[in-house]
Amino acid sequence: MLLGAPLALLARVGTATCIAAKDPLTPLLAVGASGVLNLVLDVVLVSVLGRGIGGAAWATVASEAACAAIVMRAVRAKLRGRPA
C-alpha cells in the first residue's frame, strides 16, 4: 500500500539513526514487536474477518506505523540527551 511507504522510510531512517548512536537494541525490539503485530493483524484481518489481500496490506501499514513510532520515540529521546 502506498500509505505505508513514508512510514517504512521513517522507520528505516530512525533505525539507522539509532545504530549510528550505538543503540542496536531499540531497532531490534521495534522490528520484532512490529513483526508480531503484523502476524497477529494478518491472522485477524485475513482469516477471521475475511478481508483478503487488503487486510494483509492494512496489517503491514499498521506494523510499519508501530515500528516508526517506537524508533522515532527513541531517536527523539536521544536527541534530547535522555536514555530511551
C-alpha atoms as a PDB file:
ATOM      1  CA  MET A   1       0.000   0.000   0.000  1.00  0.00           C
ATOM      2  CA  LEU A   2       1.233   3.451  -0.836  1.00  0.00           C
ATOM      3  CA  LEU A   3       0.333   4.724   2.635  1.00  0.00           C
ATOM      4  CA  GLY A   4       2.992   2.524   4.194  1.00  0.00           C
ATOM      5  CA  ALA A   5       5.923   3.817   2.128  1.00  0.00           C
ATOM      6  CA  PRO A   6       6.536   7.019   4.143  1.00  0.00           C
ATOM      7  CA  LEU A   7       6.205   5.062   7.373  1.00  0.00           C
ATOM      8  CA  ALA A   8       8.690   2.453   6.171  1.00  0.00           C
ATOM      9  CA  LEU A   9      11.136   5.189   5.186  1.00  0.00           C
ATOM     10  CA  LEU A  10      10.747   6.890   8.560  1.00  0.00           C
ATOM     11  CA  ALA A  11      11.325   3.604  10.357  1.00  0.00           C
ATOM     12  CA  ARG A  12      14.470   2.898   8.324  1.00  0.00           C
ATOM     13  CA  VAL A  13      15.906   6.367   8.915  1.00  0.00           C
ATOM     14  CA  GLY A  14      15.154   6.083  12.626  1.00  0.00           C
ATOM     15  CA  THR A  15      16.775   2.653  12.706  1.00  0.00           C
ATOM     16  CA  ALA A  16      19.907   3.997  11.044  1.00  0.00           C
ATOM     17  CA  THR A  17      19.984   6.895  13.497  1.00  0.00           C
ATOM     18  CA  CYS A  18      19.757   4.559  16.480  1.00  0.00           C
ATOM     19  CA  ILE A  19      22.501   2.350  15.090  1.00  0.00           C
ATOM     20  CA  ALA A  20      24.699   5.402  14.459  1.00  0.00           C
ATOM     21  CA  ALA A  21      24.113   6.402  18.093  1.00  0.00           C
ATOM     22  CA  LYS A  22      25.364   2.933  19.115  1.00  0.00           C
ATOM     23  CA  ASP A  23      21.924   1.638  20.123  1.00  0.00           C
ATOM     24  CA  PRO A  24      21.195  -1.509  18.120  1.00  0.00           C
ATOM     25  CA  LEU A  25      18.773  -2.900  20.714  1.00  0.00           C
ATOM     26  CA  THR A  26      15.948  -0.392  20.169  1.00  0.00           C
ATOM     27  CA  PRO A  27      15.587  -1.068  16.418  1.00  0.00           C
ATOM     28  CA  LEU A  28      15.803  -4.802  17.075  1.00  0.00           C
ATOM     29  CA  LEU A  29      12.968  -4.649  19.587  1.00  0.00           C
ATOM     30  CA  ALA A  30      10.930  -2.318  17.359  1.00  0.00           C
ATOM     31  CA  VAL A  31      11.212  -4.605  14.334  1.00  0.00           C
ATOM     32  CA  GLY A  32      10.418  -7.650  16.463  1.00  0.00           C
ATOM     33  CA  ALA A  33       7.349  -6.024  18.001  1.00  0.00           C
ATOM     34  CA  SER A  34       6.111  -4.789  14.639  1.00  0.00           C
ATOM     35  CA  GLY A  35       6.616  -8.246  13.145  1.00  0.00           C
ATOM     36  CA  VAL A  36       4.493  -9.815  15.876  1.00  0.00           C
ATOM     37  CA  LEU A  37       1.860  -7.102  15.371  1.00  0.00           C
ATOM     38  CA  ASN A  38       1.862  -7.783  11.616  1.00  0.00           C
ATOM     39  CA  LEU A  39       1.397 -11.506  12.205  1.00  0.00           C
ATOM     40  CA  VAL A  40      -1.489 -11.008  14.629  1.00  0.00           C
ATOM     41  CA  LEU A  41      -3.219  -8.472  12.397  1.00  0.00           C
ATOM     42  CA  ASP A  42      -2.733 -10.716   9.348  1.00  0.00           C
ATOM     43  CA  VAL A  43      -4.449 -13.585  11.095  1.00  0.00           C
ATOM     44  CA  VAL A  44      -7.291 -11.410  12.363  1.00  0.00           C
ATOM     45  CA  LEU A  45      -7.877  -9.372   9.204  1.00  0.00           C
ATOM     46  CA  VAL A  46      -7.337 -12.107   6.618  1.00  0.00           C
ATOM     47  CA  SER A  47      -8.520 -15.288   8.318  1.00  0.00           C
ATOM     48  CA  VAL A  48     -11.060 -14.132  10.879  1.00  0.00           C
ATOM     49  CA  LEU A  49     -12.573 -11.105   9.146  1.00  0.00           C
ATOM     50  CA  GLY A  50     -12.025 -12.348   5.576  1.00  0.00           C
ATOM     51  CA  ARG A  51     -10.528  -9.085   4.255  1.00  0.00           C
ATOM     52  CA  GLY A  52      -8.079 -10.861   1.933  1.00  0.00           C
ATOM     53  CA  ILE A  53      -5.125  -9.051   0.414  1.00  0.00           C
ATOM     54  CA  GLY A  54      -6.483  -5.680   1.560  1.00  0.00           C
ATOM     55  CA  GLY A  55      -6.418  -6.886   5.155  1.00  0.00           C
ATOM     56  CA  ALA A  56      -2.835  -8.030   4.761  1.00  0.00           C
ATOM     57  CA  ALA A  57      -1.921  -4.626   3.340  1.00  0.00           C
ATOM     58  CA  TRP A  58      -3.541  -2.793   6.251  1.00  0.00           C
ATOM     59  CA  ALA A  59      -1.751  -5.101   8.701  1.00  0.00           C
ATOM     60  CA  THR A  60       1.561  -4.198   7.084  1.00  0.00           C
ATOM     61  CA  VAL A  61       0.804  -0.467   7.212  1.00  0.00           C
ATOM     62  CA  ALA A  62      -0.127  -0.722  10.891  1.00  0.00           C
ATOM     63  CA  SER A  63       3.047  -2.632  11.726  1.00  0.00           C
ATOM     64  CA  GLU A  64       5.202  -0.101   9.843  1.00  0.00           C
ATOM     65  CA  ALA A  65       3.488   2.706  11.769  1.00  0.00           C
ATOM     66  CA  ALA A  66       4.205   0.942  15.055  1.00  0.00           C
ATOM     67  CA  CYS A  67       7.851   0.376  14.135  1.00  0.00           C
ATOM     68  CA  ALA A  68       8.281   4.004  13.065  1.00  0.00           C
ATOM     69  CA  ALA A  69       6.645   5.265  16.264  1.00  0.00           C
ATOM     70  CA  ILE A  70       8.853   3.147  18.516  1.00  0.00           C
ATOM     71  CA  VAL A  71      12.075   4.025  16.731  1.00  0.00           C
ATOM     72  CA  MET A  72      11.296   7.731  16.374  1.00  0.00           C
ATOM     73  CA  ARG A  73      10.423   7.973  20.059  1.00  0.00           C
ATOM     74  CA  ALA A  74      13.864   6.571  20.867  1.00  0.00           C
ATOM     75  CA  VAL A  75      15.508   8.983  18.408  1.00  0.00           C
ATOM     76  CA  ARG A  76      13.732  11.956  19.984  1.00  0.00           C
ATOM     77  CA  ALA A  77      14.889  10.843  23.418  1.00  0.00           C
ATOM     78  CA  LYS A  78      18.460  10.528  22.170  1.00  0.00           C
ATOM     79  CA  LEU A  79      18.373  13.968  20.590  1.00  0.00           C
ATOM     80  CA  ARG A  80      17.241  15.412  23.915  1.00  0.00           C
ATOM     81  CA  GLY A  81      20.072  13.627  25.674  1.00  0.00           C
ATOM     82  CA  ARG A  82      17.990  11.127  27.632  1.00  0.00           C
ATOM     83  CA  PRO A  83      18.299   7.354  27.506  1.00  0.00           C
ATOM     84  CA  ALA A  84      15.450   5.664  25.613  1.00  0.00           C
END
